[in-house]
Amino acid sequence: MTDVTGAPADVLHTLFHSDQGGHEQVVLCQDRASGLKAVIAIHSTALGPALGGTRFYPYANEAEAVADALNLARGMSYKNAMAGLEHGGGKAVIIGDPEQIKTEELLLAYGRFVASLGGRYVTACDVGTYVADMDVVARECRWTTGRSPENGGAGDSSVLTAYGVYQGMRASAQHLWGDPTLRARRVGVAGVGKVGHHLVDHLVAEGAEVFVTDVREDAVRRITERHPNVLAVRDTDELIRVDGLDVYAPCALGGALDDDTVPVLTAKVVCGAANNQLAHPGVEKDLADRGILYAPDYVVNAGGVIQVADELHGFDFERCKAKASKIYDTTLAIFARAKEDGIPPAAAADRIAEQRMADARARR
């Protein structure tokens, strides 16, 4: 079912001609009083209620927002399946610059839209939304996670997201070099915001040689002040060309791996927190052809969703950290499946996730 009443023609085209099809429901939300314009996409509920964050971003147009919601929701289905959660995949996007239009009234209106779905979609934080925002949304919607501890939530999920990426990076090192340690490895982190700066902490603690970049100078400055040995570079284009780079960690927005970046990438491993890192189908093969090991993004960045899912049952940090630690084993299993089937790791992860969802649908 797709609610598209009054949708512009370009939005309808995106909905019905997307190569990320198969979604169960897409809801276009608008509240004129608060200025809210949002899209809620539910890809699958085969494993349980759809779970995924709310992205607040100044999209160029509504069609772009819908496309992002569809892609992100589908990714959440695969992520939750690979994380072993009893949740399907969903995602929401709010259209606009959060620095300019985010208000309490808008967040409350958004919460009412999520609540109207009756629990089919459970929301959380994402780019542009924070714990304080989820506290507001939760006033109108009980299907809200990522709330503050003071309001019965688990707090910031970026801590375990970074921890999971770190475990995926260790698994990549084990698979490629026969040793999980990242000590003395050259690691480039693109994006040192909510998740990236925690990842840098792990890498520095282990003795890696870390290079960073971010579009926000203050984010880079925060890192270099805390870790004087971390080296800042001008931009991502410079980062991916660093001589002797062992690991590249995209931790900003999606599409980081494309026809321009892959041919010049110096790293032997790609493992980062960003969603939808592969710009289009075929990039995973391009990486494999160049001998670059790709740790599927939705596998290694699942620490955050593990945390918010646990919040629904009474949050326990150590229990969540133990679950996130298993990302190491899951990543190794994907690499083994990829080698056995003669396919890239991204394809192997998709096969495993799709089988889990198919088995769940068959049981139902």
Protein backbone atom coordinates (compact mmCIF):
# COMPACT_ATOMS: atom_id res chain seq x y z
CA MET A 1 0.00 0.00 0.00
CA THR A 2 1.29 3.46 -0.88
CA ASP A 3 -0.41 6.67 0.24
CA VAL A 4 0.20 9.17 -2.55
CA THR A 5 -2.81 11.47 -2.52
CA GLY A 6 -1.89 14.76 -4.14
CA ALA A 7 1.68 13.71 -4.82
CA PRO A 8 3.52 15.62 -7.59
CA ALA A 9 4.26 13.76 -10.80
CA ASP A 10 8.01 13.55 -10.11
CA VAL A 11 7.33 11.98 -6.71
CA LEU A 12 4.97 9.43 -8.25
CA HIS A 13 7.62 8.57 -10.83
CA THR A 14 10.18 8.01 -8.08
CA LEU A 15 7.77 5.82 -6.10
CA PHE A 16 6.72 3.53 -8.89
CA HIS A 17 9.87 3.43 -11.02
CA SER A 18 12.50 3.12 -8.27
CA ASP A 19 15.04 0.33 -8.61
CA GLN A 20 14.68 -0.09 -4.84
CA GLY A 21 11.12 -1.37 -5.14
CA GLY A 22 9.13 -3.87 -3.11
CA HIS A 23 8.16 -1.49 -0.30
CA GLU A 24 5.05 -2.30 1.68
CA GLN A 25 4.00 1.27 2.38
CA VAL A 26 5.11 4.83 1.70
CA VAL A 27 3.42 7.73 3.47
CA LEU A 28 3.79 11.36 2.41
CA CYS A 29 3.22 13.62 5.42
CA GLN A 30 2.41 17.33 5.49
CA ASP A 31 1.36 19.64 8.31
CA ARG A 32 0.88 23.17 7.06
CA ALA A 33 0.73 24.75 10.52
CA SER A 34 4.22 23.62 11.49
CA GLY A 35 5.73 23.47 8.00
CA LEU A 36 6.36 19.74 8.25
CA LYS A 37 6.98 17.81 5.04
CA ALA A 38 8.11 14.24 5.56
CA VAL A 39 8.23 10.80 3.98
CA ILE A 40 7.87 7.55 5.93
CA ALA A 41 8.90 4.44 3.99
CA ILE A 42 8.24 0.91 5.23
CA HIS A 43 10.14 -1.64 3.20
CA SER A 44 9.37 -4.87 5.06
CA THR A 45 7.68 -6.11 8.22
CA ALA A 46 8.50 -9.79 7.58
CA LEU A 47 10.68 -10.01 10.67
CA GLY A 48 8.58 -7.63 12.77
CA PRO A 49 7.67 -3.92 13.00
CA ALA A 50 9.82 -1.73 10.75
CA LEU A 51 12.58 0.04 12.65
CA GLY A 52 14.74 2.88 11.38
CA GLY A 53 15.72 6.46 12.09
CA THR A 54 14.43 9.85 11.01
CA ARG A 55 16.70 11.88 8.75
CA PHE A 56 16.25 15.69 8.73
CA TYR A 57 17.90 17.07 5.60
CA PRO A 58 17.48 19.95 3.08
CA TYR A 59 16.69 17.86 0.00
CA ALA A 60 16.65 19.69 -3.32
CA ASN A 61 13.10 18.48 -4.03
CA GLU A 62 10.45 16.03 -2.86
CA ALA A 63 11.41 13.36 -5.40
CA GLU A 64 14.97 13.31 -4.01
CA ALA A 65 13.59 12.93 -0.48
CA VAL A 66 11.35 10.03 -1.51
CA ALA A 67 14.23 8.30 -3.27
CA ASP A 68 16.42 8.62 -0.18
CA ALA A 69 13.66 7.30 2.10
CA LEU A 70 13.12 4.28 -0.18
CA ASN A 71 16.82 3.45 -0.32
CA LEU A 72 17.33 3.92 3.41
CA ALA A 73 14.25 1.86 4.33
CA ARG A 74 15.38 -1.04 2.16
CA GLY A 75 18.82 -0.85 3.75
CA MET A 76 17.24 -1.06 7.20
CA SER A 77 15.46 -4.31 6.27
CA TYR A 78 18.80 -5.87 5.40
CA LYS A 79 20.57 -4.31 8.38
CA ASN A 80 18.00 -5.55 10.90
CA ALA A 81 17.97 -9.01 9.33
CA MET A 82 21.76 -9.31 9.52
CA ALA A 83 21.78 -8.00 13.09
CA GLY A 84 19.42 -10.80 14.10
CA LEU A 85 16.67 -8.41 15.21
CA GLU A 86 12.95 -9.11 15.21
CA HIS A 87 12.34 -6.01 13.14
CA GLY A 88 11.78 -5.17 9.53
CA GLY A 89 13.09 -2.08 7.77
CA GLY A 90 11.73 1.44 7.62
CA LYS A 91 13.01 4.98 7.43
CA ALA A 92 11.66 8.51 7.55
CA VAL A 93 12.99 11.76 6.15
CA ILE A 94 11.93 15.28 7.08
CA ILE A 95 12.49 17.78 4.28
CA GLY A 96 14.28 20.99 5.21
CA ASP A 97 17.30 22.45 6.94
CA PRO A 98 17.07 21.44 10.61
CA GLU A 99 19.06 24.53 11.56
CA GLN A 100 16.32 26.68 10.04
CA ILE A 101 12.95 24.96 10.41
CA LYS A 102 13.19 22.43 13.24
CA THR A 103 10.70 23.38 15.95
CA GLU A 104 8.88 21.63 18.76
CA GLU A 105 5.61 22.06 16.89
CA LEU A 106 7.05 20.39 13.78
CA LEU A 107 8.46 17.44 15.75
CA LEU A 108 5.15 16.93 17.55
CA ALA A 109 3.31 16.92 14.22
CA TYR A 110 5.79 14.36 12.92
CA GLY A 111 5.20 12.22 16.00
CA ARG A 112 1.48 12.19 15.30
CA PHE A 113 2.09 10.89 11.78
CA VAL A 114 4.31 8.08 13.08
CA ALA A 115 1.72 7.23 15.73
CA SER A 116 -1.00 7.02 13.07
CA LEU A 117 0.75 3.94 11.67
CA GLY A 118 -0.12 2.04 14.84
CA GLY A 119 3.30 0.55 15.49
CA ARG A 120 4.14 -0.64 11.97
CA TYR A 121 7.05 1.80 12.05
CA VAL A 122 9.30 2.53 15.05
CA THR A 123 11.44 5.66 14.70
CA ALA A 124 14.80 6.78 16.10
CA CYS A 125 17.61 9.30 15.46
CA ASP A 126 19.50 9.74 12.21
CA VAL A 127 21.35 12.55 10.42
CA GLY A 128 19.91 15.87 11.60
CA THR A 129 17.96 14.44 14.54
CA TYR A 130 19.10 13.92 18.11
CA VAL A 131 18.08 12.44 21.44
CA ALA A 132 16.36 15.67 22.48
CA ASP A 133 14.29 15.56 19.27
CA MET A 134 13.16 12.01 19.98
CA ASP A 135 12.07 13.08 23.45
CA VAL A 136 9.74 15.58 21.78
CA VAL A 137 8.47 13.10 19.17
CA ALA A 138 7.78 10.59 21.95
CA ARG A 139 5.28 12.96 23.54
CA GLU A 140 2.97 12.17 20.62
CA CYS A 141 4.19 8.69 19.69
CA ARG A 142 5.00 5.71 21.90
CA TRP A 143 6.80 3.98 19.02
CA THR A 144 9.86 6.20 19.47
CA THR A 145 13.37 5.09 20.46
CA GLY A 146 16.65 6.91 20.87
CA ARG A 147 15.20 8.92 23.75
CA SER A 148 17.20 10.27 26.68
CA PRO A 149 17.76 8.11 29.77
CA GLU A 150 15.76 10.66 31.74
CA ASN A 151 12.78 9.85 29.54
CA GLY A 152 13.14 6.10 29.62
CA GLY A 153 15.44 5.78 26.62
CA ALA A 154 18.93 4.54 25.86
CA GLY A 155 20.43 7.87 24.83
CA ASP A 156 22.93 8.40 22.03
CA SER A 157 23.16 5.35 19.75
CA SER A 158 26.28 6.62 17.96
CA VAL A 159 28.52 5.08 20.63
CA LEU A 160 27.56 1.51 19.73
CA THR A 161 27.34 2.34 16.03
CA ALA A 162 31.00 3.30 16.11
CA TYR A 163 31.85 0.26 18.21
CA GLY A 164 30.21 -2.03 15.64
CA VAL A 165 32.12 -0.40 12.77
CA TYR A 166 35.31 -0.88 14.74
CA GLN A 167 34.48 -4.59 15.12
CA GLY A 168 33.83 -4.84 11.38
CA MET A 169 37.16 -3.17 10.73
CA ARG A 170 38.91 -5.68 13.00
CA ALA A 171 37.23 -8.54 11.14
CA SER A 172 38.38 -7.06 7.83
CA ALA A 173 41.95 -6.90 9.10
CA GLN A 174 41.72 -10.49 10.28
CA HIS A 175 40.42 -11.68 6.92
CA LEU A 176 42.91 -9.74 4.81
CA TRP A 177 46.05 -9.69 6.93
CA GLY A 178 45.50 -12.58 9.34
CA ASP A 179 45.51 -10.34 12.41
CA PRO A 180 42.58 -8.29 13.79
CA THR A 181 44.75 -5.56 15.24
CA LEU A 182 44.74 -2.11 13.62
CA ARG A 183 47.89 -0.99 15.36
CA ALA A 184 50.16 0.94 12.95
CA ARG A 185 47.55 0.64 10.18
CA ARG A 186 46.79 3.81 8.24
CA VAL A 187 43.07 4.54 8.53
CA GLY A 188 41.23 7.41 6.83
CA VAL A 189 37.93 8.53 8.36
CA ALA A 190 35.69 10.72 6.20
CA GLY A 191 33.17 12.41 8.48
CA VAL A 192 33.94 12.82 12.17
CA GLY A 193 30.50 13.78 13.43
CA LYS A 194 28.21 11.79 15.71
CA VAL A 195 29.67 8.38 14.84
CA GLY A 196 33.02 9.21 13.25
CA HIS A 197 34.55 10.86 16.29
CA HIS A 198 33.81 7.79 18.45
CA LEU A 199 35.39 5.58 15.78
CA VAL A 200 38.52 7.73 15.84
CA ASP A 201 38.73 7.24 19.62
CA HIS A 202 38.80 3.44 19.15
CA LEU A 203 41.42 3.65 16.42
CA VAL A 204 43.71 5.99 18.32
CA ALA A 205 43.43 3.84 21.45
CA GLU A 206 44.63 0.83 19.43
CA GLY A 207 47.57 2.72 17.94
CA ALA A 208 46.37 3.25 14.37
CA GLU A 209 47.70 6.14 12.28
CA VAL A 210 44.52 8.13 11.65
CA PHE A 211 43.70 10.67 8.94
CA VAL A 212 40.41 12.62 9.06
CA THR A 213 38.35 15.03 7.03
CA ASP A 214 34.93 16.65 7.43
CA VAL A 215 33.01 19.46 5.75
CA ARG A 216 32.71 21.06 9.19
CA GLU A 217 35.96 22.59 10.36
CA ASP A 218 34.82 22.56 13.99
CA ALA A 219 34.34 18.77 13.86
CA VAL A 220 37.89 18.30 12.61
CA ARG A 221 39.25 20.74 15.16
CA ARG A 222 37.54 18.85 17.98
CA ILE A 223 39.31 15.66 16.89
CA THR A 224 42.77 17.14 16.44
CA GLU A 225 42.59 18.96 19.77
CA ARG A 226 41.70 15.74 21.58
CA HIS A 227 44.13 13.61 19.55
CA PRO A 228 47.11 15.75 18.43
CA ASN A 229 48.61 12.85 16.44
CA VAL A 230 45.56 12.60 14.17
CA LEU A 231 46.26 14.19 10.78
CA ALA A 232 43.62 16.35 9.09
CA VAL A 233 43.44 16.51 5.29
CA ARG A 234 41.63 19.00 3.09
CA ASP A 235 38.77 16.87 1.77
CA THR A 236 37.63 13.36 0.91
CA ASP A 237 39.31 13.49 -2.49
CA GLU A 238 42.65 13.97 -0.77
CA LEU A 239 41.86 11.38 1.91
CA ILE A 240 41.17 8.51 -0.50
CA ARG A 241 44.51 9.19 -2.23
CA VAL A 242 46.65 9.11 0.95
CA ASP A 243 49.74 7.05 0.20
CA GLY A 244 49.77 3.70 1.95
CA LEU A 245 46.24 3.99 3.29
CA ASP A 246 45.12 0.61 4.67
CA VAL A 247 41.49 1.32 5.55
CA TYR A 248 39.00 3.89 4.27
CA ALA A 249 36.03 4.58 6.56
CA PRO A 250 33.18 6.60 4.96
CA CYS A 251 31.20 7.96 7.91
CA ALA A 252 29.19 10.80 6.35
CA LEU A 253 26.35 10.58 3.79
CA GLY A 254 25.84 7.77 1.29
CA GLY A 255 27.19 7.28 -2.22
CA ALA A 256 30.82 7.57 -1.12
CA LEU A 257 31.94 4.76 -3.44
CA ASP A 258 31.33 5.60 -7.08
CA ASP A 259 32.92 5.54 -10.53
CA ASP A 260 35.22 8.43 -9.61
CA THR A 261 36.41 7.32 -6.18
CA VAL A 262 36.93 3.58 -6.62
CA PRO A 263 39.62 3.83 -9.35
CA VAL A 264 41.80 6.15 -7.24
CA LEU A 265 41.19 4.64 -3.80
CA THR A 266 44.50 3.59 -2.23
CA ALA A 267 43.04 1.62 0.70
CA LYS A 268 42.80 -2.17 0.71
CA VAL A 269 39.73 -2.17 2.99
CA VAL A 270 36.56 -0.08 3.00
CA CYS A 271 34.67 -0.21 6.30
CA GLY A 272 32.66 2.74 7.53
CA ALA A 273 29.49 3.93 9.23
CA ALA A 274 27.72 5.68 6.32
CA ASN A 275 24.56 4.12 4.92
CA ASN A 276 24.26 3.18 1.23
CA GLN A 277 27.95 3.64 0.46
CA LEU A 278 27.72 2.00 -2.97
CA ALA A 279 26.54 4.70 -5.37
CA HIS A 280 24.99 2.19 -7.78
CA PRO A 281 24.88 -1.55 -8.52
CA GLY A 282 28.18 -2.79 -9.88
CA VAL A 283 30.42 -0.75 -7.59
CA GLU A 284 30.84 -3.78 -5.33
CA LYS A 285 32.31 -5.70 -8.29
CA ASP A 286 34.59 -2.78 -9.18
CA LEU A 287 35.97 -2.86 -5.63
CA ALA A 288 36.50 -6.63 -5.79
CA ASP A 289 38.21 -6.35 -9.18
CA ARG A 290 40.69 -3.90 -7.66
CA GLY A 291 41.34 -6.25 -4.73
CA ILE A 292 39.64 -3.93 -2.24
CA LEU A 293 37.78 -5.69 0.58
CA TYR A 294 34.40 -4.08 1.23
CA ALA A 295 32.70 -4.64 4.58
CA PRO A 296 28.96 -4.16 3.82
CA ASP A 297 27.82 -0.93 5.44
CA TYR A 298 24.51 -2.17 6.80
CA VAL A 299 26.30 -5.03 8.57
CA VAL A 300 29.04 -3.08 10.32
CA ASN A 301 26.98 -0.01 11.25
CA ALA A 302 24.23 -2.02 12.97
CA GLY A 303 25.38 -1.22 16.52
CA GLY A 304 23.03 1.74 16.75
CA VAL A 305 19.93 -0.16 15.68
CA ILE A 306 20.85 -2.96 18.08
CA GLN A 307 20.79 -0.35 20.84
CA VAL A 308 17.48 1.28 19.94
CA ALA A 309 15.81 -2.11 19.44
CA ASP A 310 16.91 -3.09 22.94
CA GLU A 311 15.37 0.11 24.29
CA LEU A 312 11.91 -1.28 23.49
CA HIS A 313 12.48 -4.08 26.02
CA GLY A 314 14.29 -2.22 28.80
CA PHE A 315 17.73 -0.96 27.82
CA ASP A 316 20.89 -2.63 29.10
CA PHE A 317 24.14 -1.21 27.69
CA GLU A 318 26.34 -4.22 28.40
CA ARG A 319 23.82 -6.55 26.78
CA CYS A 320 23.79 -4.33 23.69
CA LYS A 321 27.56 -4.07 23.56
CA ALA A 322 27.79 -7.86 23.68
CA LYS A 323 25.39 -8.09 20.72
CA ALA A 324 27.32 -5.41 18.83
CA SER A 325 30.55 -7.35 19.43
CA LYS A 326 29.09 -10.15 17.30
CA ILE A 327 29.38 -7.86 14.26
CA TYR A 328 32.98 -9.11 14.17
CA ASP A 329 31.82 -12.73 13.67
CA THR A 330 29.04 -11.76 11.27
CA THR A 331 31.48 -9.83 9.08
CA LEU A 332 33.89 -12.75 8.96
CA ALA A 333 31.02 -15.09 8.04
CA ILE A 334 30.08 -12.81 5.14
CA PHE A 335 33.64 -12.79 3.83
CA ALA A 336 33.70 -16.59 4.04
CA ARG A 337 30.36 -16.87 2.18
CA ALA A 338 31.61 -14.45 -0.48
CA LYS A 339 34.73 -16.56 -1.04
CA GLU A 340 32.71 -19.78 -1.13
CA ASP A 341 30.17 -18.42 -3.64
CA GLY A 342 32.70 -16.46 -5.70
CA ILE A 343 30.83 -13.17 -5.24
CA PRO A 344 31.58 -9.79 -3.64
CA PRO A 345 30.88 -9.47 0.11
CA ALA A 346 27.98 -7.06 -0.52
CA ALA A 347 26.22 -9.71 -2.61
CA ALA A 348 26.91 -12.37 0.01
CA ALA A 349 25.40 -10.22 2.75
CA ASP A 350 22.33 -9.56 0.59
CA ARG A 351 21.85 -13.29 0.03
CA ILE A 352 21.99 -14.07 3.73
CA ALA A 353 19.60 -11.22 4.65
CA GLU A 354 17.15 -12.07 1.88
CA GLN A 355 17.07 -15.71 2.98
CA ARG A 356 16.31 -14.71 6.56
CA MET A 357 13.44 -12.48 5.42
CA ALA A 358 12.11 -15.16 3.06
CA ASP A 359 12.21 -17.75 5.86
CA ALA A 360 10.30 -15.36 8.14
CA ARG A 361 7.62 -14.75 5.50
CA ALA A 362 7.27 -18.51 4.97
CA ARG A 363 6.79 -19.09 8.71
CA ARG A 364 4.07 -16.44 8.78
